[in-house]
């Protein structure tokens, strides 16, 4: 069956009335929470993960997709109006968008961000639909050793991509890997790191860890900051709609941002922030009005915002086809799949094609819903931004607690929620990335299982990992991803010391 037929089959699932309702609820909740200051898509998705717990798998994942895209949309609003990026990928949007808002052009800035996100999301989702089957065909050639090598590459790249230091990233990863060991070993039946506590025999719940690390940890971190200078919301003055000149200056950046963002988002070591910086640099170089950059150039909002949302669809390529998360939000989405016993990867496309293609089709519908929802309701989102921080974060704590109780009514689970929340606060305090912890918990047991299978097939010969061209290449790439940044950092320090010595002379 060709891609067109599969996509039409997915649309028949996505347009069922109940699934349309789930998508609408998802995009509304995702946008409403994502538009709040300081809350990025990863936190939004983690916070709302328990909401989908009682639904059927198809409805849950469709709502989840709506929450994902809604959170991505909502981040641009805080960046433009409050100069408060919810995540690193929204920083570039804030550079020009907030300048436009302060100049009374918040309406066109929000409009070009919303329309650019729609264009990029629609184009990238179609690209996802046509690219995914090719990746699946390649992935079906993988055996245990290739999968283990692929996960090692994911471990290294995720650890290096998040945070300022590869060492801190690897430390966070090993915390997650340690948490992944907890529970009964499926091969030997032995309890590991359970300390005689029955609740730990099933292991650590990914949902509990994700909500605690992202939502609780962020809340505690903000609360510990104390009182800051009062934030003022910039009013949206003038027309909400873009002028003909704004359209003329925006449509090319939308397309360029999509072309830049999608492939970078699909890379194992990609990330939306890389695409947004590339897009901003490209628009600044290609613009006919370079003097406006730094003072509110609309191209500086249109291009990066399109790149941001295109990369969001790009991250779903390795997630759905290989089961590998390349971003913090993708790691939370992987947890959403696993709460239904579903493992993203090539076999999911053959074992449950209705669910996969229904999810991909629902992304198209979610994009359309978001553009209809966001343009008329900008005034409402501005009012949400005025919620006092104590009320806002108290509500987050309440929502996270109730969600965890609903998913797993256990006093011990609430204790783990608090403990992991404190861990998340401590990691933020010392600038350790959060995402590798969740990735380690999810992929750690899978990597261990694949390694054991590979060694069992080879009767304990470790060299089997290097006899396959695919696994050897992936392990070599992992080594390069770890070594090259260290060499560059040492070289950079050497150049700085040399420059300082030359100045002293």
Protein backbone atom coordinates (compact mmCIF):
# COMPACT_ATOMS: atom_id res chain seq x y z
CA UNK A 1 0.00 0.00 0.00
CA UNK A 2 1.50 3.34 -1.03
CA UNK A 3 1.92 6.35 1.19
CA UNK A 4 -1.11 8.18 -0.22
CA UNK A 5 -3.40 5.25 0.59
CA UNK A 6 -1.94 4.89 4.09
CA UNK A 7 -2.33 8.62 4.73
CA UNK A 8 -5.96 8.51 3.55
CA UNK A 9 -6.52 5.54 5.85
CA UNK A 10 -5.03 7.57 8.69
CA UNK A 11 -7.29 10.52 7.86
CA UNK A 12 -10.32 8.22 8.09
CA UNK A 13 -9.23 7.44 11.66
CA UNK A 14 -8.36 11.04 12.56
CA UNK A 15 -11.63 12.58 11.33
CA UNK A 16 -13.83 10.37 13.48
CA UNK A 17 -15.87 12.74 15.70
CA UNK A 18 -14.42 11.47 18.98
CA UNK A 19 -10.84 11.78 17.66
CA UNK A 20 -11.53 15.29 16.35
CA UNK A 21 -12.74 16.16 19.86
CA UNK A 22 -9.56 14.70 21.38
CA UNK A 23 -7.45 16.73 18.93
CA UNK A 24 -9.36 19.94 19.74
CA UNK A 25 -9.02 19.38 23.49
CA UNK A 26 -5.31 18.62 23.02
CA UNK A 27 -4.49 21.74 20.99
CA UNK A 28 -6.53 23.94 23.34
CA UNK A 29 -4.89 22.58 26.50
CA UNK A 30 -1.43 22.56 24.91
CA UNK A 31 -1.73 26.17 23.77
CA UNK A 32 -3.29 27.36 27.04
CA UNK A 33 -0.51 25.83 29.16
CA UNK A 34 2.28 26.49 26.64
CA UNK A 35 1.39 30.18 26.50
CA UNK A 36 2.14 30.62 30.21
CA UNK A 37 5.52 32.25 30.94
CA UNK A 38 8.51 29.99 31.49
CA UNK A 39 6.70 26.80 30.45
CA UNK A 40 8.08 25.22 27.29
CA UNK A 41 6.66 22.38 25.16
CA UNK A 42 8.51 19.66 27.12
CA UNK A 43 7.05 20.87 30.44
CA UNK A 44 3.62 21.29 28.84
CA UNK A 45 3.58 17.75 27.46
CA UNK A 46 4.92 16.28 30.72
CA UNK A 47 2.35 18.19 32.77
CA UNK A 48 -0.57 17.05 30.61
CA UNK A 49 0.65 13.46 30.12
CA UNK A 50 -1.55 12.06 32.94
CA UNK A 51 -4.64 13.63 31.31
CA UNK A 52 -4.44 11.07 28.49
CA UNK A 53 -3.93 8.08 30.79
CA UNK A 54 -7.52 6.73 30.83
CA UNK A 55 -8.20 7.12 27.10
CA UNK A 56 -7.85 4.43 24.43
CA UNK A 57 -4.40 4.37 22.75
CA UNK A 58 -5.50 5.99 19.48
CA UNK A 59 -7.46 8.80 21.17
CA UNK A 60 -4.72 9.33 23.72
CA UNK A 61 -1.95 9.70 21.15
CA UNK A 62 -4.08 11.98 18.96
CA UNK A 63 -4.73 14.24 21.98
CA UNK A 64 -1.04 13.98 22.79
CA UNK A 65 -0.12 15.15 19.29
CA UNK A 66 -2.45 18.12 19.75
CA UNK A 67 -0.83 18.96 23.08
CA UNK A 68 2.61 18.69 21.47
CA UNK A 69 1.84 21.09 18.63
CA UNK A 70 -0.20 23.36 20.92
CA UNK A 71 2.74 23.66 23.30
CA UNK A 72 5.03 24.55 20.37
CA UNK A 73 2.60 27.27 19.26
CA UNK A 74 2.15 28.64 22.76
CA UNK A 75 5.88 29.18 23.27
CA UNK A 76 6.02 31.88 20.59
CA UNK A 77 3.40 33.99 22.39
CA UNK A 78 5.43 34.30 25.60
CA UNK A 79 8.60 35.00 23.60
CA UNK A 80 6.98 37.84 21.65
CA UNK A 81 4.84 39.47 24.34
CA UNK A 82 6.90 38.89 27.50
CA UNK A 83 10.39 38.26 26.11
CA UNK A 84 10.22 35.05 28.17
CA UNK A 85 11.17 32.05 25.99
CA UNK A 86 9.72 28.82 27.36
CA UNK A 87 12.59 26.88 25.79
CA UNK A 88 15.88 27.48 24.01
CA UNK A 89 14.26 27.18 20.55
CA UNK A 90 12.09 30.24 21.28
CA UNK A 91 15.04 32.49 22.12
CA UNK A 92 15.52 33.59 18.51
CA UNK A 93 11.81 34.39 18.15
CA UNK A 94 12.10 36.67 21.16
CA UNK A 95 15.01 38.62 19.65
CA UNK A 96 12.91 40.31 16.95
CA UNK A 97 9.38 39.47 18.13
CA UNK A 98 9.63 41.31 21.42
CA UNK A 99 11.10 44.34 19.67
CA UNK A 100 8.08 44.33 17.33
CA UNK A 101 5.72 44.05 20.32
CA UNK A 102 7.36 47.01 22.07
CA UNK A 103 6.98 49.00 18.87
CA UNK A 104 3.23 48.29 18.88
CA UNK A 105 3.46 45.58 16.19
CA UNK A 106 2.73 42.62 18.45
CA UNK A 107 -0.27 41.66 16.28
CA UNK A 108 1.70 41.13 13.04
CA UNK A 109 4.49 39.39 15.03
CA UNK A 110 2.05 36.91 16.56
CA UNK A 111 0.29 36.48 13.21
CA UNK A 112 3.45 35.72 11.23
CA UNK A 113 4.56 33.30 13.97
CA UNK A 114 1.20 31.48 13.89
CA UNK A 115 0.92 31.35 10.09
CA UNK A 116 4.58 30.40 9.71
CA UNK A 117 4.10 27.61 12.24
CA UNK A 118 1.07 26.39 10.28
CA UNK A 119 2.90 26.41 6.93
CA UNK A 120 5.97 24.70 8.41
CA UNK A 121 3.98 22.15 10.43
CA UNK A 122 1.80 21.22 7.43
CA UNK A 123 4.75 20.87 5.03
CA UNK A 124 6.93 18.99 7.54
CA UNK A 125 4.11 16.58 8.47
CA UNK A 126 3.62 15.68 4.80
CA UNK A 127 7.41 15.18 4.54
CA UNK A 128 7.21 12.95 7.64
CA UNK A 129 4.50 10.84 5.99
CA UNK A 130 6.59 10.24 2.86
CA UNK A 131 9.97 9.88 4.57
CA UNK A 132 8.94 7.53 7.42
CA UNK A 133 8.32 4.41 5.24
CA UNK A 134 11.83 4.69 3.73
CA UNK A 135 13.40 4.91 7.18
CA UNK A 136 11.30 1.92 8.31
CA UNK A 137 12.59 -0.20 5.39
CA UNK A 138 16.15 0.63 6.41
CA UNK A 139 15.46 -0.04 10.11
CA UNK A 140 14.01 -3.51 9.41
CA UNK A 141 17.56 -4.61 8.49
CA UNK A 142 18.67 -3.96 12.09
CA UNK A 143 19.45 -6.79 14.49
CA UNK A 144 20.22 -6.69 18.24
CA UNK A 145 23.79 -5.41 17.80
CA UNK A 146 22.70 -2.65 15.38
CA UNK A 147 19.95 -1.53 17.76
CA UNK A 148 22.38 -1.47 20.69
CA UNK A 149 24.87 0.61 18.67
CA UNK A 150 22.06 2.96 17.64
CA UNK A 151 21.06 3.46 21.27
CA UNK A 152 24.66 4.13 22.27
CA UNK A 153 24.74 6.81 19.58
CA UNK A 154 21.48 8.23 20.94
CA UNK A 155 22.89 8.24 24.49
CA UNK A 156 26.01 10.14 23.46
CA UNK A 157 24.33 12.63 21.15
CA UNK A 158 21.50 13.41 23.57
CA UNK A 159 24.00 13.90 26.38
CA UNK A 160 26.16 16.16 24.23
CA UNK A 161 23.27 18.09 22.69
CA UNK A 162 21.57 19.14 25.94
CA UNK A 163 23.26 21.52 28.33
CA UNK A 164 26.57 23.33 28.17
CA UNK A 165 28.80 20.39 29.05
CA UNK A 166 29.02 16.85 27.64
CA UNK A 167 30.22 15.66 31.06
CA UNK A 168 27.12 17.08 32.76
CA UNK A 169 24.96 15.50 30.04
CA UNK A 170 26.59 12.10 30.57
CA UNK A 171 26.15 12.44 34.35
CA UNK A 172 22.42 13.07 33.87
CA UNK A 173 22.28 10.11 31.48
CA UNK A 174 23.86 7.76 34.03
CA UNK A 175 21.31 8.87 36.63
CA UNK A 176 18.59 7.81 34.19
CA UNK A 177 20.35 4.53 33.38
CA UNK A 178 20.61 3.76 37.11
CA UNK A 179 16.90 4.43 37.57
CA UNK A 180 16.22 2.14 34.60
CA UNK A 181 17.91 -0.79 36.39
CA UNK A 182 15.44 -0.64 39.29
CA UNK A 183 12.92 -3.52 39.32
CA UNK A 184 12.86 -7.20 38.44
CA UNK A 185 15.34 -8.39 35.82
CA UNK A 186 13.19 -10.08 33.17
CA UNK A 187 15.87 -12.66 32.28
CA UNK A 188 17.00 -13.77 35.75
CA UNK A 189 13.94 -12.84 37.84
CA UNK A 190 16.18 -11.13 40.41
CA UNK A 191 15.14 -7.85 42.03
CA UNK A 192 17.61 -5.02 41.41
CA UNK A 193 17.95 -1.86 43.54
CA UNK A 194 14.46 -2.36 45.00
CA UNK A 195 15.73 -2.33 48.64
CA UNK A 196 12.89 -4.65 49.66
CA UNK A 197 10.20 -2.12 48.66
CA UNK A 198 7.38 -3.90 46.77
CA UNK A 199 6.41 -0.72 44.87
CA UNK A 200 9.84 -0.66 43.20
CA UNK A 201 9.64 -4.20 41.82
CA UNK A 202 7.86 -2.91 38.69
CA UNK A 203 10.48 -0.22 38.20
CA UNK A 204 10.19 3.55 38.08
CA UNK A 205 7.16 4.91 36.20
CA UNK A 206 8.33 7.04 33.29
CA UNK A 207 5.25 9.28 33.64
CA UNK A 208 6.03 10.01 37.29
CA UNK A 209 9.67 10.81 36.51
CA UNK A 210 8.79 13.04 33.54
CA UNK A 211 6.17 15.07 35.41
CA UNK A 212 8.42 15.40 38.45
CA UNK A 213 11.61 16.37 36.61
CA UNK A 214 10.02 18.87 34.24
CA UNK A 215 6.96 20.28 36.05
CA UNK A 216 7.78 19.90 39.78
CA UNK A 217 11.49 20.61 39.34
CA UNK A 218 10.80 23.75 37.29
CA UNK A 219 8.25 24.98 39.85
CA UNK A 220 10.65 24.50 42.76
CA UNK A 221 13.43 26.20 40.80
CA UNK A 222 11.29 29.26 40.03
CA UNK A 223 9.98 29.42 43.61
CA UNK A 224 13.54 29.34 44.96
CA UNK A 225 14.45 32.38 42.85
CA UNK A 226 12.48 34.64 45.19
CA UNK A 227 10.76 37.83 44.09
CA UNK A 228 11.90 39.31 40.83
CA UNK A 229 11.21 42.62 39.19
CA UNK A 230 7.54 42.84 38.18
CA UNK A 231 6.93 41.68 34.62
CA UNK A 232 4.75 43.86 32.43
CA UNK A 233 2.75 42.46 29.55
CA UNK A 234 3.21 44.42 26.36
CA UNK A 235 -0.26 45.19 24.95
CA UNK A 236 -1.05 44.23 21.39
CA UNK A 237 -1.61 47.61 19.80
CA UNK A 238 -2.71 48.32 16.27
CA UNK A 239 -4.03 45.78 13.79
CA UNK A 240 -3.77 42.08 14.51
CA UNK A 241 -3.51 41.26 10.83
CA UNK A 242 -0.43 41.41 8.67
CA UNK A 243 -0.24 44.03 5.94
CA UNK A 244 0.50 43.17 2.30
CA UNK A 245 4.10 44.24 2.90
CA UNK A 246 4.34 41.90 5.92
CA UNK A 247 3.06 39.01 3.80
CA UNK A 248 5.56 39.80 1.05
CA UNK A 249 8.42 39.79 3.56
CA UNK A 250 7.27 36.63 5.39
CA UNK A 251 6.38 33.94 2.86
CA UNK A 252 9.92 33.20 1.71
CA UNK A 253 11.27 32.98 5.32
CA UNK A 254 8.42 30.55 6.12
CA UNK A 255 9.53 28.22 3.32
CA UNK A 256 13.25 28.60 4.03
CA UNK A 257 12.67 27.98 7.74
CA UNK A 258 10.78 24.77 6.91
CA UNK A 259 13.59 23.51 4.64
CA UNK A 260 16.21 24.29 7.32
CA UNK A 261 14.29 23.04 10.36
CA UNK A 262 12.90 19.68 9.24
CA UNK A 263 16.16 17.81 8.44
CA UNK A 264 17.92 19.23 11.50
CA UNK A 265 15.04 18.10 13.74
CA UNK A 266 15.27 14.60 12.26
CA UNK A 267 18.99 14.27 13.05
CA UNK A 268 20.01 12.25 16.15
CA UNK A 269 22.06 15.22 17.40
CA UNK A 270 19.69 17.84 16.00
CA UNK A 271 17.45 20.09 18.00
CA UNK A 272 15.07 22.91 17.20
CA UNK A 273 17.38 25.61 18.56
CA UNK A 274 20.06 24.79 15.95
CA UNK A 275 17.56 25.20 13.11
CA UNK A 276 16.22 28.47 14.51
CA UNK A 277 19.72 30.00 14.74
CA UNK A 278 20.54 28.84 11.20
CA UNK A 279 17.26 30.30 9.94
CA UNK A 280 17.86 33.62 11.70
CA UNK A 281 21.37 33.86 10.25
CA UNK A 282 20.07 33.01 6.76
CA UNK A 283 17.29 35.63 6.92
CA UNK A 284 19.67 38.30 8.17
CA UNK A 285 21.99 37.59 5.24
CA UNK A 286 19.25 37.38 2.59
CA UNK A 287 17.02 40.21 3.84
CA UNK A 288 16.63 43.42 1.84
CA UNK A 289 16.31 45.23 5.19
CA UNK A 290 19.30 43.99 7.26
CA UNK A 291 19.35 47.26 9.20
CA UNK A 292 16.03 46.30 10.85
CA UNK A 293 17.50 43.19 12.49
CA UNK A 294 17.88 43.87 16.20
CA UNK A 295 15.08 46.44 16.02
CA UNK A 296 12.09 44.26 15.05
CA UNK A 297 12.52 42.65 11.62
CA UNK A 298 9.53 40.49 10.74
CA UNK A 299 11.76 38.03 8.82
CA UNK A 300 13.53 37.33 12.14
CA UNK A 301 10.23 36.05 13.54
CA UNK A 302 8.82 34.29 10.45
CA UNK A 303 11.89 32.18 9.57
CA UNK A 304 12.94 30.92 13.03
CA UNK A 305 9.35 30.17 14.08
CA UNK A 306 8.83 28.12 10.91
CA UNK A 307 12.13 26.31 11.54
CA UNK A 308 11.08 25.63 15.14
CA UNK A 309 7.81 23.93 14.15
CA UNK A 310 9.33 22.10 11.17
CA UNK A 311 11.93 20.60 13.49
CA UNK A 312 9.10 19.54 15.83
CA UNK A 313 7.72 17.33 13.02
CA UNK A 314 11.28 16.30 12.15
CA UNK A 315 11.85 14.87 15.65
CA UNK A 316 8.95 12.47 15.03
CA UNK A 317 10.88 10.76 12.20
CA UNK A 318 13.47 9.01 14.43
CA UNK A 319 10.90 8.69 17.24
CA UNK A 320 8.27 6.82 15.20
CA UNK A 321 10.60 4.88 12.89
CA UNK A 322 13.47 3.98 15.24
CA UNK A 323 12.03 4.63 18.70
CA UNK A 324 14.73 7.21 19.44
CA UNK A 325 13.91 10.58 21.03
CA UNK A 326 16.09 13.48 19.83
CA UNK A 327 14.58 16.16 22.08
CA UNK A 328 13.19 16.53 25.58
CA UNK A 329 9.64 16.71 24.22
CA UNK A 330 10.18 13.59 22.12
CA UNK A 331 11.38 11.77 25.25
CA UNK A 332 8.10 12.63 26.99
CA UNK A 333 6.15 11.48 23.91
CA UNK A 334 8.02 8.17 24.05
CA UNK A 335 6.78 7.85 27.63
CA UNK A 336 3.25 8.45 26.32
CA UNK A 337 3.60 5.52 23.91
CA UNK A 338 5.03 3.27 26.58
CA UNK A 339 2.19 3.84 29.03
CA UNK A 340 0.10 1.77 26.58
CA UNK A 341 2.75 -0.87 26.05
CA UNK A 342 3.58 0.50 22.58
CA UNK A 343 7.19 0.70 21.45
CA UNK A 344 7.78 3.12 18.55
CA UNK A 345 9.91 1.61 15.81
CA UNK A 346 9.64 -0.16 12.46
CA UNK A 347 7.50 -2.98 13.85
CA UNK A 348 4.86 -0.51 15.04
CA UNK A 349 4.22 0.49 11.40
CA UNK A 350 3.40 -3.14 10.55
CA UNK A 351 1.73 -4.26 13.80
CA UNK A 352 -0.43 -1.16 14.33
CA UNK A 353 -0.56 0.87 11.11
CA UNK A 354 -3.98 2.39 11.87
CA UNK A 355 -2.64 4.00 15.04
CA UNK A 356 0.58 5.31 13.45
CA UNK A 357 -1.04 6.75 10.34
CA UNK A 358 -3.98 8.07 12.35
CA UNK A 359 -1.44 9.90 14.52
CA UNK A 360 0.38 11.36 11.49
CA UNK A 361 -2.93 12.44 9.91
CA UNK A 362 -4.05 13.99 13.19
CA UNK A 363 -0.98 16.25 13.06
CA UNK A 364 -2.37 17.78 9.86
CA UNK A 365 -5.74 18.36 11.54
CA UNK A 366 -4.07 19.73 14.70
CA UNK A 367 -2.19 22.28 12.57
CA UNK A 368 -5.43 23.50 10.99
CA UNK A 369 -7.14 23.69 14.39
CA UNK A 370 -4.27 25.67 15.85
CA UNK A 371 -4.27 28.36 13.18
CA UNK A 372 -8.05 28.76 13.61
CA UNK A 373 -7.68 28.83 17.40
CA UNK A 374 -4.66 31.08 17.76
CA UNK A 375 -5.39 34.04 15.52
CA UNK A 376 -8.76 35.03 17.06
CA UNK A 377 -7.77 34.28 20.66
CA UNK A 378 -4.55 36.29 20.98
CA UNK A 379 -6.31 38.67 23.37
CA UNK A 380 -7.23 35.78 25.65
CA UNK A 381 -3.65 34.46 25.74
CA UNK A 382 -2.46 37.94 26.75
CA UNK A 383 -4.83 37.81 29.75
CA UNK A 384 -3.49 34.37 30.71
CA UNK A 385 0.00 35.86 30.81
CA UNK A 386 -1.07 38.20 33.62
CA UNK A 387 -1.70 35.34 36.09
CA UNK A 388 0.48 35.99 39.18
CA UNK A 389 3.39 33.56 39.44
CA UNK A 390 2.40 32.18 42.89
CA UNK A 391 -1.03 31.18 41.53
CA UNK A 392 0.46 29.84 38.33
CA UNK A 393 3.02 27.53 39.90
CA UNK A 394 0.72 26.48 42.74
CA UNK A 395 -1.71 25.36 40.04
CA UNK A 396 1.05 23.42 38.30
CA UNK A 397 1.91 21.59 41.53
CA UNK A 398 -1.78 20.78 42.13
CA UNK A 399 -2.30 19.58 38.57
CA UNK A 400 0.84 17.43 38.58
CA UNK A 401 -0.13 15.85 41.91
CA UNK A 402 -3.71 15.10 40.87
CA UNK A 403 -2.50 13.71 37.54
CA UNK A 404 -0.07 11.35 39.27
CA UNK A 405 -2.76 10.18 41.73
CA UNK A 406 -5.13 9.55 38.82
CA UNK A 407 -2.54 7.50 36.92
CA UNK A 408 -1.26 5.55 39.97
CA UNK A 409 -3.14 6.07 43.28
CA UNK A 410 -0.30 5.33 45.68
CA UNK A 411 1.25 7.27 48.55
CA UNK A 412 4.64 5.86 47.59
CA UNK A 413 4.18 7.17 44.03
CA UNK A 414 3.52 10.66 45.43
CA UNK A 415 6.68 10.35 47.52
CA UNK A 416 8.62 9.45 44.37
CA UNK A 417 7.06 12.44 42.59
CA UNK A 418 8.40 14.73 45.32
CA UNK A 419 11.80 13.03 45.42
CA UNK A 420 12.28 13.25 41.66
CA UNK A 421 11.01 16.83 41.74
CA UNK A 422 13.75 17.69 44.26
CA UNK A 423 16.25 15.86 42.02
CA UNK A 424 15.08 17.94 39.06
CA UNK A 425 15.48 21.12 41.11
CA UNK A 426 19.01 20.10 42.13
CA UNK A 427 20.01 19.33 38.55
CA UNK A 428 18.70 22.72 37.37
CA UNK A 429 20.49 24.45 40.23
CA UNK A 430 23.85 23.05 39.10
CA UNK A 431 23.09 23.40 35.36
CA UNK A 432 22.69 19.69 34.60
CA UNK A 433 20.31 18.90 31.67
CA UNK A 434 17.05 17.12 32.50
CA UNK A 435 16.22 15.33 29.24
CA UNK A 436 19.08 12.73 29.41
CA UNK A 437 17.66 11.44 32.72
CA UNK A 438 14.33 10.61 31.07
CA UNK A 439 16.07 9.21 27.97
CA UNK A 440 18.28 7.00 30.16
CA UNK A 441 15.27 5.60 32.03
CA UNK A 442 13.39 4.83 28.80
CA UNK A 443 16.18 3.55 26.55
CA UNK A 444 18.45 2.03 29.22
CA UNK A 445 16.50 -1.21 29.73
CA UNK A 446 16.03 -1.54 25.94
CA UNK A 447 19.77 -1.10 25.31
CA UNK A 448 20.56 -3.70 28.00
CA UNK A 449 18.11 -6.16 26.44
CA UNK A 450 19.56 -5.74 22.93
CA UNK A 451 23.13 -6.09 24.23
CA UNK A 452 22.23 -9.30 26.03
CA UNK A 453 20.60 -10.70 22.89
CA UNK A 454 23.63 -9.81 20.76
CA UNK A 455 26.01 -11.45 23.27
CA UNK A 456 23.77 -14.54 23.56
CA UNK A 457 23.79 -14.98 19.77
CA UNK A 458 27.60 -14.61 19.64
CA UNK A 459 28.11 -16.77 22.76
CA UNK A 460 29.66 -13.92 24.69
CA UNK A 461 31.96 -12.54 21.99
CA UNK A 462 31.99 -8.75 22.46
CA UNK A 463 33.67 -8.26 19.07
CA UNK A 464 30.36 -9.14 17.42
CA UNK A 465 29.41 -5.48 17.95
CA UNK A 466 32.16 -4.43 15.53
CA UNK A 467 31.75 -7.13 12.86
CA UNK A 468 28.56 -5.61 11.46
CA UNK A 469 29.24 -2.59 9.18
CA UNK A 470 26.13 -0.78 10.46
CA UNK A 471 26.85 -1.26 14.18
CA UNK A 472 30.57 -0.48 13.71
CA UNK A 473 29.68 2.76 11.88
CA UNK A 474 27.17 3.79 14.54
CA UNK A 475 29.64 3.10 17.37
CA UNK A 476 32.32 5.08 15.52
CA UNK A 477 29.90 8.00 15.14
CA UNK A 478 29.14 7.79 18.87
CA UNK A 479 32.86 7.92 19.68
CA UNK A 480 33.32 10.92 17.38
CA UNK A 481 30.31 12.68 18.91
CA UNK A 482 31.97 12.30 22.31
CA UNK A 483 35.60 13.03 21.37
CA UNK A 484 35.30 15.87 18.83
CA UNK A 485 33.57 18.36 21.22
CA UNK A 486 36.25 17.64 23.84
CA UNK A 487 39.05 18.28 21.30
CA UNK A 488 37.40 21.51 20.14
CA UNK A 489 36.92 22.66 23.73
CA UNK A 490 40.57 21.95 24.61
CA UNK A 491 41.71 23.63 21.41
CA UNK A 492 39.51 26.66 22.14
CA UNK A 493 40.95 26.96 25.65
CA UNK A 494 44.47 26.71 24.21
CA UNK A 495 43.76 29.54 21.76
CA UNK A 496 42.35 31.69 24.55
CA UNK A 497 45.42 31.08 26.74
CA UNK A 498 47.69 31.85 23.79
CA UNK A 499 45.81 35.11 23.15
CA UNK A 500 46.07 36.08 26.84
CA UNK A 501 49.82 35.32 26.83
CA UNK A 502 50.29 37.42 23.68
CA UNK A 503 48.43 40.34 25.29
CA UNK A 504 50.62 40.12 28.39
CA UNK A 505 53.74 40.21 26.23
